[in-house]
Amino acid sequence: MNPMDLFKNLQNLQSRMGDMQERLQALSATGSAGGGMVRIEINGQMEVQRVRIDREAVDPDDIEMLEDLVLAAFTDASAKVKEKIREEMTTITGGLNLPPGLMGM
């Protein structure tokens, strides 16, 4: 690939990163644990938007189990939203395999 073409492509990618920030805000994923008793929704900027806990998951004598369920639901949501981000980045970069962090992501 011609170095000037690569430079033009990178400039074009940078101009589309502003759009990407807005798209990340609109992305969301819900992770769950305990057969859906604990659900956490996060956006593309990894901010928690909603937490739902079924009454059956709350046992005052076993707080550690609830903590584990919350952690597992967040981990599940994180993995799902990261996959959506990868898909968005592939769309924006046109399939270029850029090193992680090159475009601020």
PDB file of N, CA and C in Angstrom:
ATOM      1  N   MET A   1       0.844  -1.174   0.000  1.00  0.00           N
ATOM      2  CA  MET A   1       0.000   0.000   0.000  1.00  0.00           C
ATOM      3  C   MET A   1       0.892   1.242   0.000  1.00  0.00           C
ATOM      4  N   ASN A   2       0.525   2.184  -0.784  1.00  0.00           N
ATOM      5  CA  ASN A   2       1.225   3.460  -0.879  1.00  0.00           C
ATOM      6  C   ASN A   2       1.150   4.188   0.472  1.00  0.00           C
ATOM      7  N   PRO A   3       2.276   4.682   0.987  1.00  0.00           N
ATOM      8  CA  PRO A   3       2.257   5.387   2.285  1.00  0.00           C
ATOM      9  C   PRO A   3       1.315   6.586   2.294  1.00  0.00           C
ATOM     10  N   MET A   4       1.173   7.275   1.178  1.00  0.00           N
ATOM     11  CA  MET A   4       0.263   8.426   1.135  1.00  0.00           C
ATOM     12  C   MET A   4      -1.194   7.971   1.234  1.00  0.00           C
ATOM     13  N   ASP A   5      -1.505   6.840   0.631  1.00  0.00           N
ATOM     14  CA  ASP A   5      -2.860   6.291   0.748  1.00  0.00           C
ATOM     15  C   ASP A   5      -3.162   5.911   2.190  1.00  0.00           C
ATOM     16  N   LEU A   6      -2.177   5.318   2.843  1.00  0.00           N
ATOM     17  CA  LEU A   6      -2.350   4.954   4.245  1.00  0.00           C
ATOM     18  C   LEU A   6      -2.582   6.200   5.090  1.00  0.00           C
ATOM     19  N   PHE A   7      -1.838   7.257   4.836  1.00  0.00           N
ATOM     20  CA  PHE A   7      -1.994   8.509   5.572  1.00  0.00           C
ATOM     21  C   PHE A   7      -3.390   9.088   5.348  1.00  0.00           C
ATOM     22  N   LYS A   8      -3.862   9.071   4.103  1.00  0.00           N
ATOM     23  CA  LYS A   8      -5.217   9.570   3.806  1.00  0.00           C
ATOM     24  C   LYS A   8      -6.272   8.738   4.522  1.00  0.00           C
ATOM     25  N   ASN A   9      -6.069   7.417   4.531  1.00  0.00           N
ATOM     26  CA  ASN A   9      -7.017   6.544   5.224  1.00  0.00           C
ATOM     27  C   ASN A   9      -7.049   6.839   6.717  1.00  0.00           C
ATOM     28  N   LEU A  10      -5.884   7.067   7.315  1.00  0.00           N
ATOM     29  CA  LEU A  10      -5.831   7.383   8.749  1.00  0.00           C
ATOM     30  C   LEU A  10      -6.513   8.715   9.046  1.00  0.00           C
ATOM     31  N   GLN A  11      -6.332   9.696   8.176  1.00  0.00           N
ATOM     32  CA  GLN A  11      -7.008  10.982   8.361  1.00  0.00           C
ATOM     33  C   GLN A  11      -8.520  10.794   8.292  1.00  0.00           C
ATOM     34  N   ASN A  12      -8.962   9.988   7.354  1.00  0.00           N
ATOM     35  CA  ASN A  12     -10.388   9.717   7.211  1.00  0.00           C
ATOM     36  C   ASN A  12     -10.928   9.007   8.451  1.00  0.00           C
ATOM     37  N   LEU A  13     -10.148   8.060   8.974  1.00  0.00           N
ATOM     38  CA  LEU A  13     -10.564   7.348  10.179  1.00  0.00           C
ATOM     39  C   LEU A  13     -10.689   8.298  11.362  1.00  0.00           C
ATOM     40  N   GLN A  14      -9.736   9.205  11.482  1.00  0.00           N
ATOM     41  CA  GLN A  14      -9.790  10.163  12.588  1.00  0.00           C
ATOM     42  C   GLN A  14     -11.045  11.011  12.515  1.00  0.00           C
ATOM     43  N   SER A  15     -11.423  11.411  11.323  1.00  0.00           N
ATOM     44  CA  SER A  15     -12.610  12.252  11.186  1.00  0.00           C
ATOM     45  C   SER A  15     -13.876  11.492  11.581  1.00  0.00           C
ATOM     46  N   ARG A  16     -13.852  10.153  11.436  1.00  0.00           N
ATOM     47  CA  ARG A  16     -15.024   9.353  11.795  1.00  0.00           C
ATOM     48  C   ARG A  16     -15.057   8.971  13.274  1.00  0.00           C
ATOM     49  N   MET A  17     -13.990   9.244  14.003  1.00  0.00           N
ATOM     50  CA  MET A  17     -13.953   8.868  15.416  1.00  0.00           C
ATOM     51  C   MET A  17     -14.955   9.669  16.249  1.00  0.00           C
ATOM     52  N   GLY A  18     -15.245  10.895  15.863  1.00  0.00           N
ATOM     53  CA  GLY A  18     -16.273  11.661  16.566  1.00  0.00           C
ATOM     54  C   GLY A  18     -17.611  10.960  16.491  1.00  0.00           C
ATOM     55  N   ASP A  19     -17.938  10.437  15.314  1.00  0.00           N
ATOM     56  CA  ASP A  19     -19.165   9.663  15.152  1.00  0.00           C
ATOM     57  C   ASP A  19     -19.135   8.421  16.035  1.00  0.00           C
ATOM     58  N   MET A  20     -17.972   7.820  16.121  1.00  0.00           N
ATOM     59  CA  MET A  20     -17.841   6.601  16.914  1.00  0.00           C
ATOM     60  C   MET A  20     -18.151   6.864  18.381  1.00  0.00           C
ATOM     61  N   GLN A  21     -17.705   7.997  18.908  1.00  0.00           N
ATOM     62  CA  GLN A  21     -17.987   8.325  20.308  1.00  0.00           C
ATOM     63  C   GLN A  21     -19.494   8.375  20.556  1.00  0.00           C
ATOM     64  N   GLU A  22     -20.236   8.971  19.632  1.00  0.00           N
ATOM     65  CA  GLU A  22     -21.697   9.034  19.770  1.00  0.00           C
ATOM     66  C   GLU A  22     -22.309   7.642  19.668  1.00  0.00           C
ATOM     67  N   ARG A  23     -21.784   6.838  18.762  1.00  0.00           N
ATOM     68  CA  ARG A  23     -22.309   5.489  18.598  1.00  0.00           C
ATOM     69  C   ARG A  23     -22.049   4.651  19.849  1.00  0.00           C
ATOM     70  N   LEU A  24     -20.900   4.858  20.481  1.00  0.00           N
ATOM     71  CA  LEU A  24     -20.601   4.115  21.702  1.00  0.00           C
ATOM     72  C   LEU A  24     -21.608   4.433  22.790  1.00  0.00           C
ATOM     73  N   GLN A  25     -21.996   5.687  22.867  1.00  0.00           N
ATOM     74  CA  GLN A  25     -22.980   6.089  23.872  1.00  0.00           C
ATOM     75  C   GLN A  25     -24.304   5.374  23.630  1.00  0.00           C
ATOM     76  N   ALA A  26     -24.627   5.137  22.351  1.00  0.00           N
ATOM     77  CA  ALA A  26     -25.897   4.501  22.006  1.00  0.00           C
ATOM     78  C   ALA A  26     -25.848   2.974  22.142  1.00  0.00           C
ATOM     79  N   LEU A  27     -24.643   2.386  22.088  1.00  0.00           N
ATOM     80  CA  LEU A  27     -24.527   0.936  22.244  1.00  0.00           C
ATOM     81  C   LEU A  27     -24.901   0.539  23.663  1.00  0.00           C
ATOM     82  N   SER A  28     -25.483  -0.635  23.782  1.00  0.00           N
ATOM     83  CA  SER A  28     -25.720  -1.163  25.122  1.00  0.00           C
ATOM     84  C   SER A  28     -25.729  -2.681  25.056  1.00  0.00           C
ATOM     85  N   ALA A  29     -25.477  -3.277  26.188  1.00  0.00           N
ATOM     86  CA  ALA A  29     -25.525  -4.728  26.314  1.00  0.00           C
ATOM     87  C   ALA A  29     -25.964  -5.058  27.728  1.00  0.00           C
ATOM     88  N   THR A  30     -26.683  -6.156  27.838  1.00  0.00           N
ATOM     89  CA  THR A  30     -27.141  -6.608  29.139  1.00  0.00           C
ATOM     90  C   THR A  30     -26.491  -7.949  29.449  1.00  0.00           C
ATOM     91  N   GLY A  31     -25.867  -8.010  30.603  1.00  0.00           N
ATOM     92  CA  GLY A  31     -25.287  -9.255  31.075  1.00  0.00           C
ATOM     93  C   GLY A  31     -26.149  -9.806  32.189  1.00  0.00           C
ATOM     94  N   SER A  32     -26.130 -11.116  32.327  1.00  0.00           N
ATOM     95  CA  SER A  32     -26.945 -11.706  33.389  1.00  0.00           C
ATOM     96  C   SER A  32     -26.180 -12.829  34.077  1.00  0.00           C
ATOM     97  N   ALA A  33     -26.661 -13.176  35.249  1.00  0.00           N
ATOM     98  CA  ALA A  33     -26.091 -14.272  36.034  1.00  0.00           C
ATOM     99  C   ALA A  33     -27.195 -14.893  36.870  1.00  0.00           C
ATOM    100  N   GLY A  34     -26.937 -16.095  37.329  1.00  0.00           N
ATOM    101  CA  GLY A  34     -27.926 -16.766  38.174  1.00  0.00           C
ATOM    102  C   GLY A  34     -29.212 -17.055  37.440  1.00  0.00           C
ATOM    103  N   GLY A  35     -29.098 -17.455  36.178  1.00  0.00           N
ATOM    104  CA  GLY A  35     -30.303 -17.747  35.402  1.00  0.00           C
ATOM    105  C   GLY A  35     -31.154 -16.519  35.162  1.00  0.00           C
ATOM    106  N   GLY A  36     -30.516 -15.347  35.103  1.00  0.00           N
ATOM    107  CA  GLY A  36     -31.237 -14.102  34.852  1.00  0.00           C
ATOM    108  C   GLY A  36     -31.728 -13.401  36.113  1.00  0.00           C
ATOM    109  N   MET A  37     -31.370 -13.926  37.289  1.00  0.00           N
ATOM    110  CA  MET A  37     -31.810 -13.281  38.530  1.00  0.00           C
ATOM    111  C   MET A  37     -31.130 -11.934  38.734  1.00  0.00           C
ATOM    112  N   VAL A  38     -29.916 -11.775  38.182  1.00  0.00           N
ATOM    113  CA  VAL A  38     -29.197 -10.504  38.259  1.00  0.00           C
ATOM    114  C   VAL A  38     -28.874 -10.092  36.832  1.00  0.00           C
ATOM    115  N   ARG A  39     -29.286  -8.861  36.472  1.00  0.00           N
ATOM    116  CA  ARG A  39     -29.040  -8.333  35.131  1.00  0.00           C
ATOM    117  C   ARG A  39     -28.442  -6.942  35.242  1.00  0.00           C
ATOM    118  N   ILE A  40     -27.409  -6.697  34.439  1.00  0.00           N
ATOM    119  CA  ILE A  40     -26.757  -5.393  34.422  1.00  0.00           C
ATOM    120  C   ILE A  40     -26.673  -4.928  32.979  1.00  0.00           C
ATOM    121  N   GLU A  41     -27.113  -3.705  32.743  1.00  0.00           N
ATOM    122  CA  GLU A  41     -27.026  -3.107  31.411  1.00  0.00           C
ATOM    123  C   GLU A  41     -25.949  -2.026  31.434  1.00  0.00           C
ATOM    124  N   ILE A  42     -25.026  -2.074  30.459  1.00  0.00           N
ATOM    125  CA  ILE A  42     -23.987  -1.059  30.347  1.00  0.00           C
ATOM    126  C   ILE A  42     -23.992  -0.495  28.938  1.00  0.00           C
ATOM    127  N   ASN A  43     -23.451   0.724  28.798  1.00  0.00           N
ATOM    128  CA  ASN A  43     -23.353   1.318  27.470  1.00  0.00           C
ATOM    129  C   ASN A  43     -21.959   1.080  26.904  1.00  0.00           C
ATOM    130  N   GLY A  44     -21.730   1.590  25.695  1.00  0.00           N
ATOM    131  CA  GLY A  44     -20.467   1.381  25.014  1.00  0.00           C
ATOM    132  C   GLY A  44     -19.283   2.081  25.644  1.00  0.00           C
ATOM    133  N   GLN A  45     -19.554   2.959  26.614  1.00  0.00           N
ATOM    134  CA  GLN A  45     -18.466   3.606  27.340  1.00  0.00           C
ATOM    135  C   GLN A  45     -18.250   2.932  28.694  1.00  0.00           C
ATOM    136  N   MET A  46     -18.809   1.731  28.815  1.00  0.00           N
ATOM    137  CA  MET A  46     -18.657   0.886  30.003  1.00  0.00           C
ATOM    138  C   MET A  46     -19.270   1.511  31.252  1.00  0.00           C
ATOM    139  N   GLU A  47     -20.289   2.327  31.068  1.00  0.00           N
ATOM    140  CA  GLU A  47     -21.003   2.929  32.194  1.00  0.00           C
ATOM    141  C   GLU A  47     -22.249   2.089  32.483  1.00  0.00           C
ATOM    142  N   VAL A  48     -22.455   1.766  33.748  1.00  0.00           N
ATOM    143  CA  VAL A  48     -23.625   0.986  34.143  1.00  0.00           C
ATOM    144  C   VAL A  48     -24.859   1.870  34.002  1.00  0.00           C
ATOM    145  N   GLN A  49     -25.843   1.364  33.261  1.00  0.00           N
ATOM    146  CA  GLN A  49     -27.078   2.104  33.027  1.00  0.00           C
ATOM    147  C   GLN A  49     -28.223   1.614  33.911  1.00  0.00           C
ATOM    148  N   ARG A  50     -28.213   0.306  34.202  1.00  0.00           N
ATOM    149  CA  ARG A  50     -29.322  -0.259  34.976  1.00  0.00           C
ATOM    150  C   ARG A  50     -28.855  -1.550  35.641  1.00  0.00           C
ATOM    151  N   VAL A  51     -29.347  -1.766  36.848  1.00  0.00           N
ATOM    152  CA  VAL A  51     -29.098  -3.017  37.574  1.00  0.00           C
ATOM    153  C   VAL A  51     -30.459  -3.535  38.030  1.00  0.00           C
ATOM    154  N   ARG A  52     -30.708  -4.805  37.754  1.00  0.00           N
ATOM    155  CA  ARG A  52     -31.963  -5.428  38.191  1.00  0.00           C
ATOM    156  C   ARG A  52     -31.632  -6.705  38.950  1.00  0.00           C
ATOM    157  N   ILE A  53     -32.204  -6.833  40.114  1.00  0.00           N
ATOM    158  CA  ILE A  53     -31.953  -8.002  40.963  1.00  0.00           C
ATOM    159  C   ILE A  53     -33.303  -8.563  41.392  1.00  0.00           C
ATOM    160  N   ASP A  54     -33.561  -9.813  41.030  1.00  0.00           N
ATOM    161  CA  ASP A  54     -34.794 -10.472  41.449  1.00  0.00           C
ATOM    162  C   ASP A  54     -34.752 -10.744  42.949  1.00  0.00           C
ATOM    163  N   ARG A  55     -35.900 -10.736  43.575  1.00  0.00           N
ATOM    164  CA  ARG A  55     -35.986 -10.970  45.017  1.00  0.00           C
ATOM    165  C   ARG A  55     -35.364 -12.313  45.423  1.00  0.00           C
ATOM    166  N   GLU A  56     -35.503 -13.305  44.551  1.00  0.00           N
ATOM    167  CA  GLU A  56     -34.983 -14.642  44.873  1.00  0.00           C
ATOM    168  C   GLU A  56     -33.460 -14.637  45.033  1.00  0.00           C
ATOM    169  N   ALA A  57     -32.797 -13.655  44.449  1.00  0.00           N
ATOM    170  CA  ALA A  57     -31.332 -13.596  44.531  1.00  0.00           C
ATOM    171  C   ALA A  57     -30.846 -12.985  45.838  1.00  0.00           C
ATOM    172  N   VAL A  58     -31.755 -12.415  46.610  1.00  0.00           N
ATOM    173  CA  VAL A  58     -31.370 -11.720  47.840  1.00  0.00           C
ATOM    174  C   VAL A  58     -31.586 -12.638  49.043  1.00  0.00           C
ATOM    175  N   ASP A  59     -30.468 -13.087  49.584  1.00  0.00           N
ATOM    176  CA  ASP A  59     -30.481 -13.897  50.802  1.00  0.00           C
ATOM    177  C   ASP A  59     -29.607 -13.174  51.812  1.00  0.00           C
ATOM    178  N   PRO A  60     -30.216 -12.569  52.840  1.00  0.00           N
ATOM    179  CA  PRO A  60     -29.424 -11.807  53.816  1.00  0.00           C
ATOM    180  C   PRO A  60     -28.326 -12.630  54.484  1.00  0.00           C
ATOM    181  N   ASP A  61     -28.478 -13.955  54.483  1.00  0.00           N
ATOM    182  CA  ASP A  61     -27.473 -14.815  55.103  1.00  0.00           C
ATOM    183  C   ASP A  61     -26.355 -15.209  54.128  1.00  0.00           C
ATOM    184  N   ASP A  62     -26.484 -14.784  52.856  1.00  0.00           N
ATOM    185  CA  ASP A  62     -25.471 -15.155  51.859  1.00  0.00           C
ATOM    186  C   ASP A  62     -25.216 -13.979  50.913  1.00  0.00           C
ATOM    187  N   ILE A  63     -24.726 -12.893  51.463  1.00  0.00           N
ATOM    188  CA  ILE A  63     -24.424 -11.693  50.687  1.00  0.00           C
ATOM    189  C   ILE A  63     -23.337 -11.975  49.651  1.00  0.00           C
ATOM    190  N   GLU A  64     -22.403 -12.854  49.987  1.00  0.00           N
ATOM    191  CA  GLU A  64     -21.315 -13.166  49.055  1.00  0.00           C
ATOM    192  C   GLU A  64     -21.836 -13.722  47.742  1.00  0.00           C
ATOM    193  N   MET A  65     -22.901 -14.536  47.797  1.00  0.00           N
ATOM    194  CA  MET A  65     -23.469 -15.088  46.574  1.00  0.00           C
ATOM    195  C   MET A  65     -24.015 -13.966  45.691  1.00  0.00           C
ATOM    196  N   LEU A  66     -24.705 -13.020  46.289  1.00  0.00           N
ATOM    197  CA  LEU A  66     -25.250 -11.893  45.528  1.00  0.00           C
ATOM    198  C   LEU A  66     -24.122 -11.065  44.929  1.00  0.00           C
ATOM    199  N   GLU A  67     -23.073 -10.847  45.692  1.00  0.00           N
ATOM    200  CA  GLU A  67     -21.913 -10.115  45.167  1.00  0.00           C
ATOM    201  C   GLU A  67     -21.313 -10.839  43.962  1.00  0.00           C
ATOM    202  N   ASP A  68     -21.206 -12.151  44.052  1.00  0.00           N
ATOM    203  CA  ASP A  68     -20.672 -12.942  42.940  1.00  0.00           C
ATOM    204  C   ASP A  68     -21.575 -12.847  41.711  1.00  0.00           C
ATOM    205  N   LEU A  69     -22.889 -12.872  41.929  1.00  0.00           N
ATOM    206  CA  LEU A  69     -23.829 -12.764  40.818  1.00  0.00           C
ATOM    207  C   LEU A  69     -23.724 -11.403  40.131  1.00  0.00           C
ATOM    208  N   VAL A  70     -23.594 -10.340  40.915  1.00  0.00           N
ATOM    209  CA  VAL A  70     -23.455  -8.995  40.343  1.00  0.00           C
ATOM    210  C   VAL A  70     -22.168  -8.916  39.524  1.00  0.00           C
ATOM    211  N   LEU A  71     -21.084  -9.424  40.073  1.00  0.00           N
ATOM    212  CA  LEU A  71     -19.811  -9.422  39.356  1.00  0.00           C
ATOM    213  C   LEU A  71     -19.905 -10.222  38.056  1.00  0.00           C
ATOM    214  N   ALA A  72     -20.522 -11.386  38.114  1.00  0.00           N
ATOM    215  CA  ALA A  72     -20.662 -12.228  36.920  1.00  0.00           C
ATOM    216  C   ALA A  72     -21.537 -11.545  35.868  1.00  0.00           C
ATOM    217  N   ALA A  73     -22.596 -10.882  36.283  1.00  0.00           N
ATOM    218  CA  ALA A  73     -23.470 -10.182  35.333  1.00  0.00           C
ATOM    219  C   ALA A  73     -22.733  -9.023  34.681  1.00  0.00           C
ATOM    220  N   PHE A  74     -21.939  -8.296  35.456  1.00  0.00           N
ATOM    221  CA  PHE A  74     -21.166  -7.196  34.881  1.00  0.00           C
ATOM    222  C   PHE A  74     -20.119  -7.719  33.899  1.00  0.00           C
ATOM    223  N   THR A  75     -19.455  -8.808  34.253  1.00  0.00           N
ATOM    224  CA  THR A  75     -18.456  -9.405  33.369  1.00  0.00           C
ATOM    225  C   THR A  75     -19.102  -9.850  32.060  1.00  0.00           C
ATOM    226  N   ASP A  76     -20.278 -10.424  32.142  1.00  0.00           N
ATOM    227  CA  ASP A  76     -21.014 -10.865  30.960  1.00  0.00           C
ATOM    228  C   ASP A  76     -21.392  -9.666  30.088  1.00  0.00           C
ATOM    229  N   ALA A  77     -21.901  -8.606  30.706  1.00  0.00           N
ATOM    230  CA  ALA A  77     -22.275  -7.399  29.955  1.00  0.00           C
ATOM    231  C   ALA A  77     -21.055  -6.763  29.307  1.00  0.00           C
ATOM    232  N   SER A  78     -19.943  -6.731  30.023  1.00  0.00           N
ATOM    233  CA  SER A  78     -18.709  -6.148  29.481  1.00  0.00           C
ATOM    234  C   SER A  78     -18.249  -6.889  28.237  1.00  0.00           C
ATOM    235  N   ALA A  79     -18.260  -8.203  28.297  1.00  0.00           N
ATOM    236  CA  ALA A  79     -17.835  -9.005  27.142  1.00  0.00           C
ATOM    237  C   ALA A  79     -18.742  -8.744  25.946  1.00  0.00           C
ATOM    238  N   LYS A  80     -20.036  -8.645  26.196  1.00  0.00           N
ATOM    239  CA  LYS A  80     -20.989  -8.414  25.105  1.00  0.00           C
ATOM    240  C   LYS A  80     -20.802  -7.039  24.480  1.00  0.00           C
ATOM    241  N   VAL A  81     -20.622  -6.006  25.298  1.00  0.00           N
ATOM    242  CA  VAL A  81     -20.479  -4.657  24.746  1.00  0.00           C
ATOM    243  C   VAL A  81     -19.126  -4.511  24.041  1.00  0.00           C
ATOM    244  N   LYS A  82     -18.094  -5.169  24.542  1.00  0.00           N
ATOM    245  CA  LYS A  82     -16.783  -5.121  23.872  1.00  0.00           C
ATOM    246  C   LYS A  82     -16.874  -5.748  22.486  1.00  0.00           C
ATOM    247  N   GLU A  83     -17.631  -6.814  22.354  1.00  0.00           N
ATOM    248  CA  GLU A  83     -17.811  -7.437  21.045  1.00  0.00           C
ATOM    249  C   GLU A  83     -18.555  -6.483  20.097  1.00  0.00           C
ATOM    250  N   LYS A  84     -19.563  -5.790  20.615  1.00  0.00           N
ATOM    251  CA  LYS A  84     -20.279  -4.808  19.791  1.00  0.00           C
ATOM    252  C   LYS A  84     -19.346  -3.676  19.367  1.00  0.00           C
ATOM    253  N   ILE A  85     -18.462  -3.256  20.257  1.00  0.00           N
ATOM    254  CA  ILE A  85     -17.502  -2.190  19.934  1.00  0.00           C
ATOM    255  C   ILE A  85     -16.555  -2.670  18.838  1.00  0.00           C
ATOM    256  N   ARG A  86     -16.081  -3.909  18.955  1.00  0.00           N
ATOM    257  CA  ARG A  86     -15.201  -4.467  17.917  1.00  0.00           C
ATOM    258  C   ARG A  86     -15.903  -4.470  16.557  1.00  0.00           C
ATOM    259  N   GLU A  87     -17.178  -4.839  16.555  1.00  0.00           N
ATOM    260  CA  GLU A  87     -17.941  -4.858  15.312  1.00  0.00           C
ATOM    261  C   GLU A  87     -18.064  -3.448  14.729  1.00  0.00           C
ATOM    262  N   GLU A  88     -18.346  -2.464  15.583  1.00  0.00           N
ATOM    263  CA  GLU A  88     -18.448  -1.075  15.131  1.00  0.00           C
ATOM    264  C   GLU A  88     -17.113  -0.588  14.575  1.00  0.00           C
ATOM    265  N   MET A  89     -16.034  -0.914  15.277  1.00  0.00           N
ATOM    266  CA  MET A  89     -14.710  -0.473  14.825  1.00  0.00           C
ATOM    267  C   MET A  89     -14.352  -1.107  13.486  1.00  0.00           C
ATOM    268  N   THR A  90     -14.722  -2.352  13.282  1.00  0.00           N
ATOM    269  CA  THR A  90     -14.466  -3.008  12.001  1.00  0.00           C
ATOM    270  C   THR A  90     -15.219  -2.295  10.888  1.00  0.00           C
ATOM    271  N   THR A  91     -16.433  -1.872  11.172  1.00  0.00           N
ATOM    272  CA  THR A  91     -17.221  -1.137  10.189  1.00  0.00           C
ATOM    273  C   THR A  91     -16.555   0.195   9.862  1.00  0.00           C
ATOM    274  N   ILE A  92     -16.128   0.907  10.883  1.00  0.00           N
ATOM    275  CA  ILE A  92     -15.533   2.234  10.678  1.00  0.00           C
ATOM    276  C   ILE A  92     -14.178   2.152   9.996  1.00  0.00           C
ATOM    277  N   THR A  93     -13.364   1.175  10.373  1.00  0.00           N
ATOM    278  CA  THR A  93     -12.018   1.089   9.809  1.00  0.00           C
ATOM    279  C   THR A  93     -11.997   0.344   8.483  1.00  0.00           C
ATOM    280  N   GLY A  94     -13.137  -0.147   8.049  1.00  0.00           N
ATOM    281  CA  GLY A  94     -13.184  -0.867   6.788  1.00  0.00           C
ATOM    282  C   GLY A  94     -12.419  -2.174   6.839  1.00  0.00           C
ATOM    283  N   GLY A  95     -12.331  -2.757   8.029  1.00  0.00           N
ATOM    284  CA  GLY A  95     -11.660  -4.034   8.176  1.00  0.00           C
ATOM    285  C   GLY A  95     -10.158  -3.935   8.391  1.00  0.00           C
ATOM    286  N   LEU A  96      -9.610  -2.699   8.439  1.00  0.00           N
ATOM    287  CA  LEU A  96      -8.178  -2.564   8.716  1.00  0.00           C
ATOM    288  C   LEU A  96      -7.893  -3.133  10.094  1.00  0.00           C
ATOM    289  N   ASN A  97      -6.858  -3.895  10.224  1.00  0.00           N
ATOM    290  CA  ASN A  97      -6.476  -4.478  11.498  1.00  0.00           C
ATOM    291  C   ASN A  97      -5.504  -3.534  12.188  1.00  0.00           C
ATOM    292  N   LEU A  98      -6.039  -2.496  12.859  1.00  0.00           N
ATOM    293  CA  LEU A  98      -5.207  -1.501  13.511  1.00  0.00           C
ATOM    294  C   LEU A  98      -4.803  -1.974  14.908  1.00  0.00           C
ATOM    295  N   PRO A  99      -3.625  -1.580  15.344  1.00  0.00           N
ATOM    296  CA  PRO A  99      -3.199  -1.958  16.704  1.00  0.00           C
ATOM    297  C   PRO A  99      -4.123  -1.347  17.752  1.00  0.00           C
ATOM    298  N   PRO A 100      -4.377  -2.067  18.860  1.00  0.00           N
ATOM    299  CA  PRO A 100      -5.226  -1.530  19.920  1.00  0.00           C
ATOM    300  C   PRO A 100      -4.672  -0.192  20.418  1.00  0.00           C
ATOM    301  N   GLY A 101      -5.560   0.768  20.629  1.00  0.00           N
ATOM    302  CA  GLY A 101      -5.170   2.065  21.161  1.00  0.00           C
ATOM    303  C   GLY A 101      -4.755   3.073  20.125  1.00  0.00           C
ATOM    304  N   LEU A 102      -4.592   2.652  18.854  1.00  0.00           N
ATOM    305  CA  LEU A 102      -4.117   3.587  17.823  1.00  0.00           C
ATOM    306  C   LEU A 102      -5.094   4.752  17.638  1.00  0.00           C
ATOM    307  N   MET A 103      -6.376   4.451  17.652  1.00  0.00           N
ATOM    308  CA  MET A 103      -7.373   5.507  17.415  1.00  0.00           C
ATOM    309  C   MET A 103      -8.042   5.950  18.714  1.00  0.00           C
ATOM    310  N   GLY A 104      -7.373   5.739  19.815  1.00  0.00           N
ATOM    311  CA  GLY A 104      -7.915   6.176  21.105  1.00  0.00           C
ATOM    312  C   GLY A 104      -8.899   5.206  21.714  1.00  0.00           C
ATOM    313  N   MET A 105      -9.029   4.028  21.123  1.00  0.00           N
ATOM    314  CA  MET A 105      -9.970   3.043  21.616  1.00  0.00           C
ATOM    315  C   MET A 105      -9.209   1.869  22.172  1.00  0.00           C
TER     316      MET A 105
END
